[in-house]
Amino acid sequence: MKVISGKRFCRLLESRGWQLRRINGSHHIYSRVGTPVRISVPVHGDRTLKRGLQAHLMKLAGIDDSGL
């Protein structure tokens, strides 16, 4: 799995129909119509997401490794 930054993951979510609902500190909270799932993405400049966190967020969003 290619590790990406929080900023890039946010752009990926937005391109797949997720909408930014609010920002709480450095965490961007996304949701999508028709699903009860909320995704909280930590955006700390250009720092990359940890592998486990990124894998979890991708699973919640329904994104596979080929989507990066």
PDB file of N, CA and C in Angstrom:
ATOM      1  N   MET A   1       0.846  -1.174   0.000  1.00  0.00           N
ATOM      2  CA  MET A   1       0.000   0.000   0.000  1.00  0.00           C
ATOM      3  C   MET A   1       0.892   1.238   0.000  1.00  0.00           C
ATOM      4  N   LYS A   2       0.576   2.168  -0.850  1.00  0.00           N
ATOM      5  CA  LYS A   2       1.304   3.430  -0.912  1.00  0.00           C
ATOM      6  C   LYS A   2       0.766   4.356   0.182  1.00  0.00           C
ATOM      7  N   VAL A   3       1.646   4.879   1.005  1.00  0.00           N
ATOM      8  CA  VAL A   3       1.247   5.762   2.100  1.00  0.00           C
ATOM      9  C   VAL A   3       1.102   7.180   1.549  1.00  0.00           C
ATOM     10  N   ILE A   4      -0.001   7.859   1.910  1.00  0.00           N
ATOM     11  CA  ILE A   4      -0.255   9.214   1.426  1.00  0.00           C
ATOM     12  C   ILE A   4      -0.511  10.151   2.602  1.00  0.00           C
ATOM     13  N   SER A   5      -0.509  11.434   2.328  1.00  0.00           N
ATOM     14  CA  SER A   5      -0.743  12.428   3.380  1.00  0.00           C
ATOM     15  C   SER A   5      -2.246  12.592   3.632  1.00  0.00           C
ATOM     16  N   GLY A   6      -2.560  13.228   4.748  1.00  0.00           N
ATOM     17  CA  GLY A   6      -3.958  13.493   5.074  1.00  0.00           C
ATOM     18  C   GLY A   6      -4.619  14.397   4.048  1.00  0.00           C
ATOM     19  N   LYS A   7      -3.870  15.394   3.556  1.00  0.00           N
ATOM     20  CA  LYS A   7      -4.411  16.305   2.528  1.00  0.00           C
ATOM     21  C   LYS A   7      -4.802  15.537   1.277  1.00  0.00           C
ATOM     22  N   ARG A   8      -3.910  14.660   0.831  1.00  0.00           N
ATOM     23  CA  ARG A   8      -4.164  13.896  -0.394  1.00  0.00           C
ATOM     24  C   ARG A   8      -5.333  12.934  -0.186  1.00  0.00           C
ATOM     25  N   PHE A   9      -5.444  12.353   1.007  1.00  0.00           N
ATOM     26  CA  PHE A   9      -6.562  11.455   1.292  1.00  0.00           C
ATOM     27  C   PHE A   9      -7.881  12.215   1.267  1.00  0.00           C
ATOM     28  N   CYS A  10      -7.877  13.456   1.753  1.00  0.00           N
ATOM     29  CA  CYS A  10      -9.085  14.285   1.699  1.00  0.00           C
ATOM     30  C   CYS A  10      -9.512  14.535   0.254  1.00  0.00           C
ATOM     31  N   ARG A  11      -8.552  14.846  -0.611  1.00  0.00           N
ATOM     32  CA  ARG A  11      -8.868  15.053  -2.028  1.00  0.00           C
ATOM     33  C   ARG A  11      -9.421  13.775  -2.657  1.00  0.00           C
ATOM     34  N   LEU A  12      -8.868  12.629  -2.264  1.00  0.00           N
ATOM     35  CA  LEU A  12      -9.340  11.348  -2.768  1.00  0.00           C
ATOM     36  C   LEU A  12     -10.787  11.104  -2.338  1.00  0.00           C
ATOM     37  N   LEU A  13     -11.104  11.386  -1.091  1.00  0.00           N
ATOM     38  CA  LEU A  13     -12.477  11.222  -0.606  1.00  0.00           C
ATOM     39  C   LEU A  13     -13.435  12.126  -1.365  1.00  0.00           C
ATOM     40  N   GLU A  14     -13.047  13.387  -1.541  1.00  0.00           N
ATOM     41  CA  GLU A  14     -13.922  14.339  -2.239  1.00  0.00           C
ATOM     42  C   GLU A  14     -14.160  13.925  -3.680  1.00  0.00           C
ATOM     43  N   SER A  15     -13.170  13.330  -4.313  1.00  0.00           N
ATOM     44  CA  SER A  15     -13.347  12.886  -5.697  1.00  0.00           C
ATOM     45  C   SER A  15     -14.286  11.690  -5.787  1.00  0.00           C
ATOM     46  N   ARG A  16     -14.514  11.011  -4.668  1.00  0.00           N
ATOM     47  CA  ARG A  16     -15.393   9.848  -4.648  1.00  0.00           C
ATOM     48  C   ARG A  16     -16.752  10.141  -4.018  1.00  0.00           C
ATOM     49  N   GLY A  17     -17.106  11.421  -3.901  1.00  0.00           N
ATOM     50  CA  GLY A  17     -18.446  11.780  -3.453  1.00  0.00           C
ATOM     51  C   GLY A  17     -18.599  12.076  -1.974  1.00  0.00           C
ATOM     52  N   TRP A  18     -17.540  12.009  -1.193  1.00  0.00           N
ATOM     53  CA  TRP A  18     -17.614  12.345   0.222  1.00  0.00           C
ATOM     54  C   TRP A  18     -17.587  13.860   0.365  1.00  0.00           C
ATOM     55  N   GLN A  19     -18.325  14.371   1.347  1.00  0.00           N
ATOM     56  CA  GLN A  19     -18.409  15.813   1.550  1.00  0.00           C
ATOM     57  C   GLN A  19     -17.838  16.193   2.913  1.00  0.00           C
ATOM     58  N   LEU A  20     -17.075  17.276   2.927  1.00  0.00           N
ATOM     59  CA  LEU A  20     -16.530  17.794   4.174  1.00  0.00           C
ATOM     60  C   LEU A  20     -17.672  18.411   4.970  1.00  0.00           C
ATOM     61  N   ARG A  21     -17.909  17.898   6.167  1.00  0.00           N
ATOM     62  CA  ARG A  21     -19.000  18.398   7.006  1.00  0.00           C
ATOM     63  C   ARG A  21     -18.522  19.459   7.983  1.00  0.00           C
ATOM     64  N   ARG A  22     -17.356  19.217   8.580  1.00  0.00           N
ATOM     65  CA  ARG A  22     -16.823  20.198   9.523  1.00  0.00           C
ATOM     66  C   ARG A  22     -15.349  19.905   9.754  1.00  0.00           C
ATOM     67  N   ILE A  23     -14.684  20.870  10.371  1.00  0.00           N
ATOM     68  CA  ILE A  23     -13.288  20.706  10.754  1.00  0.00           C
ATOM     69  C   ILE A  23     -13.211  20.945  12.252  1.00  0.00           C
ATOM     70  N   ASN A  24     -12.645  19.978  12.961  1.00  0.00           N
ATOM     71  CA  ASN A  24     -12.491  20.084  14.402  1.00  0.00           C
ATOM     72  C   ASN A  24     -10.997  20.019  14.706  1.00  0.00           C
ATOM     73  N   GLY A  25     -10.383  21.180  14.879  1.00  0.00           N
ATOM     74  CA  GLY A  25      -8.938  21.233  15.063  1.00  0.00           C
ATOM     75  C   GLY A  25      -8.241  20.867  13.764  1.00  0.00           C
ATOM     76  N   SER A  26      -7.442  19.809  13.799  1.00  0.00           N
ATOM     77  CA  SER A  26      -6.738  19.377  12.589  1.00  0.00           C
ATOM     78  C   SER A  26      -7.424  18.184  11.936  1.00  0.00           C
ATOM     79  N   HIS A  27      -8.611  17.818  12.403  1.00  0.00           N
ATOM     80  CA  HIS A  27      -9.326  16.667  11.856  1.00  0.00           C
ATOM     81  C   HIS A  27     -10.469  17.127  10.954  1.00  0.00           C
ATOM     82  N   HIS A  28     -10.466  16.622   9.745  1.00  0.00           N
ATOM     83  CA  HIS A  28     -11.513  16.920   8.776  1.00  0.00           C
ATOM     84  C   HIS A  28     -12.504  15.771   8.802  1.00  0.00           C
ATOM     85  N   ILE A  29     -13.776  16.081   9.036  1.00  0.00           N
ATOM     86  CA  ILE A  29     -14.803  15.058   9.164  1.00  0.00           C
ATOM     87  C   ILE A  29     -15.637  15.027   7.896  1.00  0.00           C
ATOM     88  N   TYR A  30     -15.696  13.839   7.272  1.00  0.00           N
ATOM     89  CA  TYR A  30     -16.405  13.643   6.010  1.00  0.00           C
ATOM     90  C   TYR A  30     -17.576  12.694   6.206  1.00  0.00           C
ATOM     91  N   SER A  31     -18.619  12.895   5.406  1.00  0.00           N
ATOM     92  CA  SER A  31     -19.744  11.971   5.364  1.00  0.00           C
ATOM     93  C   SER A  31     -20.281  11.944   3.946  1.00  0.00           C
ATOM     94  N   ARG A  32     -21.145  10.968   3.696  1.00  0.00           N
ATOM     95  CA  ARG A  32     -21.732  10.831   2.373  1.00  0.00           C
ATOM     96  C   ARG A  32     -23.210  10.522   2.534  1.00  0.00           C
ATOM     97  N   VAL A  33     -24.024  11.073   1.665  1.00  0.00           N
ATOM     98  CA  VAL A  33     -25.463  10.858   1.712  1.00  0.00           C
ATOM     99  C   VAL A  33     -25.746   9.377   1.509  1.00  0.00           C
ATOM    100  N   GLY A  34     -26.637   8.833   2.330  1.00  0.00           N
ATOM    101  CA  GLY A  34     -27.041   7.447   2.185  1.00  0.00           C
ATOM    102  C   GLY A  34     -26.235   6.465   3.014  1.00  0.00           C
ATOM    103  N   THR A  35     -25.253   6.939   3.751  1.00  0.00           N
ATOM    104  CA  THR A  35     -24.461   6.053   4.600  1.00  0.00           C
ATOM    105  C   THR A  35     -24.277   6.700   5.973  1.00  0.00           C
ATOM    106  N   PRO A  36     -24.344   5.909   7.045  1.00  0.00           N
ATOM    107  CA  PRO A  36     -24.177   6.485   8.384  1.00  0.00           C
ATOM    108  C   PRO A  36     -22.714   6.676   8.776  1.00  0.00           C
ATOM    109  N   VAL A  37     -21.798   6.312   7.905  1.00  0.00           N
ATOM    110  CA  VAL A  37     -20.361   6.364   8.219  1.00  0.00           C
ATOM    111  C   VAL A  37     -19.848   7.794   8.198  1.00  0.00           C
ATOM    112  N   ARG A  38     -19.051   8.132   9.207  1.00  0.00           N
ATOM    113  CA  ARG A  38     -18.325   9.393   9.226  1.00  0.00           C
ATOM    114  C   ARG A  38     -16.845   9.056   9.269  1.00  0.00           C
ATOM    115  N   ILE A  39     -16.059   9.781   8.494  1.00  0.00           N
ATOM    116  CA  ILE A  39     -14.629   9.534   8.431  1.00  0.00           C
ATOM    117  C   ILE A  39     -13.899  10.785   8.918  1.00  0.00           C
ATOM    118  N   SER A  40     -13.030  10.597   9.896  1.00  0.00           N
ATOM    119  CA  SER A  40     -12.247  11.688  10.455  1.00  0.00           C
ATOM    120  C   SER A  40     -10.803  11.532   9.998  1.00  0.00           C
ATOM    121  N   VAL A  41     -10.332  12.494   9.206  1.00  0.00           N
ATOM    122  CA  VAL A  41      -8.985  12.430   8.638  1.00  0.00           C
ATOM    123  C   VAL A  41      -8.095  13.469   9.313  1.00  0.00           C
ATOM    124  N   PRO A  42      -7.000  13.035   9.953  1.00  0.00           N
ATOM    125  CA  PRO A  42      -6.073  14.007  10.539  1.00  0.00           C
ATOM    126  C   PRO A  42      -5.232  14.655   9.444  1.00  0.00           C
ATOM    127  N   VAL A  43      -5.245  15.977   9.399  1.00  0.00           N
ATOM    128  CA  VAL A  43      -4.461  16.707   8.394  1.00  0.00           C
ATOM    129  C   VAL A  43      -3.416  17.522   9.148  1.00  0.00           C
ATOM    130  N   HIS A  44      -2.184  17.047   9.111  1.00  0.00           N
ATOM    131  CA  HIS A  44      -1.068  17.712   9.783  1.00  0.00           C
ATOM    132  C   HIS A  44      -0.037  18.082   8.737  1.00  0.00           C
ATOM    133  N   GLY A  45      -0.328  19.112   7.984  1.00  0.00           N
ATOM    134  CA  GLY A  45       0.584  19.541   6.927  1.00  0.00           C
ATOM    135  C   GLY A  45       0.717  18.461   5.866  1.00  0.00           C
ATOM    136  N   ASP A  46       1.949  18.139   5.499  1.00  0.00           N
ATOM    137  CA  ASP A  46       2.191  17.095   4.507  1.00  0.00           C
ATOM    138  C   ASP A  46       2.671  15.800   5.140  1.00  0.00           C
ATOM    139  N   ARG A  47       2.430  15.621   6.434  1.00  0.00           N
ATOM    140  CA  ARG A  47       2.824  14.374   7.091  1.00  0.00           C
ATOM    141  C   ARG A  47       1.959  13.234   6.592  1.00  0.00           C
ATOM    142  N   THR A  48       2.567  12.091   6.402  1.00  0.00           N
ATOM    143  CA  THR A  48       1.828  10.934   5.894  1.00  0.00           C
ATOM    144  C   THR A  48       1.011  10.295   7.009  1.00  0.00           C
ATOM    145  N   LEU A  49      -0.044   9.628   6.605  1.00  0.00           N
ATOM    146  CA  LEU A  49      -0.864   8.881   7.544  1.00  0.00           C
ATOM    147  C   LEU A  49      -0.131   7.591   7.900  1.00  0.00           C
ATOM    148  N   LYS A  50      -0.347   7.088   9.089  1.00  0.00           N
ATOM    149  CA  LYS A  50       0.227   5.802   9.476  1.00  0.00           C
ATOM    150  C   LYS A  50      -0.476   4.700   8.673  1.00  0.00           C
ATOM    151  N   ARG A  51       0.219   3.633   8.402  1.00  0.00           N
ATOM    152  CA  ARG A  51      -0.312   2.559   7.556  1.00  0.00           C
ATOM    153  C   ARG A  51      -1.614   1.979   8.076  1.00  0.00           C
ATOM    154  N   GLY A  52      -1.679   1.694   9.371  1.00  0.00           N
ATOM    155  CA  GLY A  52      -2.885   1.101   9.947  1.00  0.00           C
ATOM    156  C   GLY A  52      -4.080   2.035   9.871  1.00  0.00           C
ATOM    157  N   LEU A  53      -3.863   3.304  10.167  1.00  0.00           N
ATOM    158  CA  LEU A  53      -4.935   4.294  10.094  1.00  0.00           C
ATOM    159  C   LEU A  53      -5.415   4.453   8.660  1.00  0.00           C
ATOM    160  N   GLN A  54      -4.472   4.535   7.735  1.00  0.00           N
ATOM    161  CA  GLN A  54      -4.849   4.687   6.331  1.00  0.00           C
ATOM    162  C   GLN A  54      -5.647   3.476   5.848  1.00  0.00           C
ATOM    163  N   ALA A  55      -5.238   2.281   6.241  1.00  0.00           N
ATOM    164  CA  ALA A  55      -5.961   1.073   5.843  1.00  0.00           C
ATOM    165  C   ALA A  55      -7.380   1.089   6.404  1.00  0.00           C
ATOM    166  N   HIS A  56      -7.532   1.516   7.653  1.00  0.00           N
ATOM    167  CA  HIS A  56      -8.851   1.589   8.272  1.00  0.00           C
ATOM    168  C   HIS A  56      -9.749   2.610   7.570  1.00  0.00           C
ATOM    169  N   LEU A  57      -9.208   3.791   7.287  1.00  0.00           N
ATOM    170  CA  LEU A  57      -9.993   4.829   6.615  1.00  0.00           C
ATOM    171  C   LEU A  57     -10.391   4.386   5.203  1.00  0.00           C
ATOM    172  N   MET A  58      -9.480   3.700   4.512  1.00  0.00           N
ATOM    173  CA  MET A  58      -9.790   3.216   3.160  1.00  0.00           C
ATOM    174  C   MET A  58     -10.903   2.174   3.206  1.00  0.00           C
ATOM    175  N   LYS A  59     -10.884   1.310   4.216  1.00  0.00           N
ATOM    176  CA  LYS A  59     -11.926   0.299   4.359  1.00  0.00           C
ATOM    177  C   LYS A  59     -13.283   0.959   4.620  1.00  0.00           C
ATOM    178  N   LEU A  60     -13.301   1.974   5.494  1.00  0.00           N
ATOM    179  CA  LEU A  60     -14.549   2.691   5.771  1.00  0.00           C
ATOM    180  C   LEU A  60     -15.104   3.376   4.523  1.00  0.00           C
ATOM    181  N   ALA A  61     -14.203   3.931   3.713  1.00  0.00           N
ATOM    182  CA  ALA A  61     -14.616   4.671   2.525  1.00  0.00           C
ATOM    183  C   ALA A  61     -14.890   3.761   1.333  1.00  0.00           C
ATOM    184  N   GLY A  62     -14.517   2.498   1.427  1.00  0.00           N
ATOM    185  CA  GLY A  62     -14.735   1.578   0.325  1.00  0.00           C
ATOM    186  C   GLY A  62     -13.735   1.767  -0.807  1.00  0.00           C
ATOM    187  N   ILE A  63     -12.505   2.135  -0.458  1.00  0.00           N
ATOM    188  CA  ILE A  63     -11.450   2.370  -1.455  1.00  0.00           C
ATOM    189  C   ILE A  63     -10.455   1.216  -1.349  1.00  0.00           C
ATOM    190  N   ASP A  64     -10.085   0.641  -2.484  1.00  0.00           N
ATOM    191  CA  ASP A  64      -9.078  -0.411  -2.462  1.00  0.00           C
ATOM    192  C   ASP A  64      -7.705   0.157  -2.825  1.00  0.00           C
ATOM    193  N   ASP A  65      -6.683  -0.678  -2.735  1.00  0.00           N
ATOM    194  CA  ASP A  65      -5.313  -0.225  -2.983  1.00  0.00           C
ATOM    195  C   ASP A  65      -5.115   0.305  -4.398  1.00  0.00           C
ATOM    196  N   SER A  66      -5.866  -0.198  -5.350  1.00  0.00           N
ATOM    197  CA  SER A  66      -5.703   0.269  -6.731  1.00  0.00           C
ATOM    198  C   SER A  66      -6.270   1.681  -6.915  1.00  0.00           C
ATOM    199  N   GLY A  67      -7.040   2.183  -5.929  1.00  0.00           N
ATOM    200  CA  GLY A  67      -7.632   3.506  -6.018  1.00  0.00           C
ATOM    201  C   GLY A  67      -6.673   4.637  -5.715  1.00  0.00           C
ATOM    202  N   LEU A  68      -5.452   4.288  -5.271  1.00  0.00           N
ATOM    203  CA  LEU A  68      -4.486   5.335  -4.939  1.00  0.00           C
ATOM    204  C   LEU A  68      -3.774   5.719  -6.148  1.00  0.00           C
TER     205      LEU A  68
END
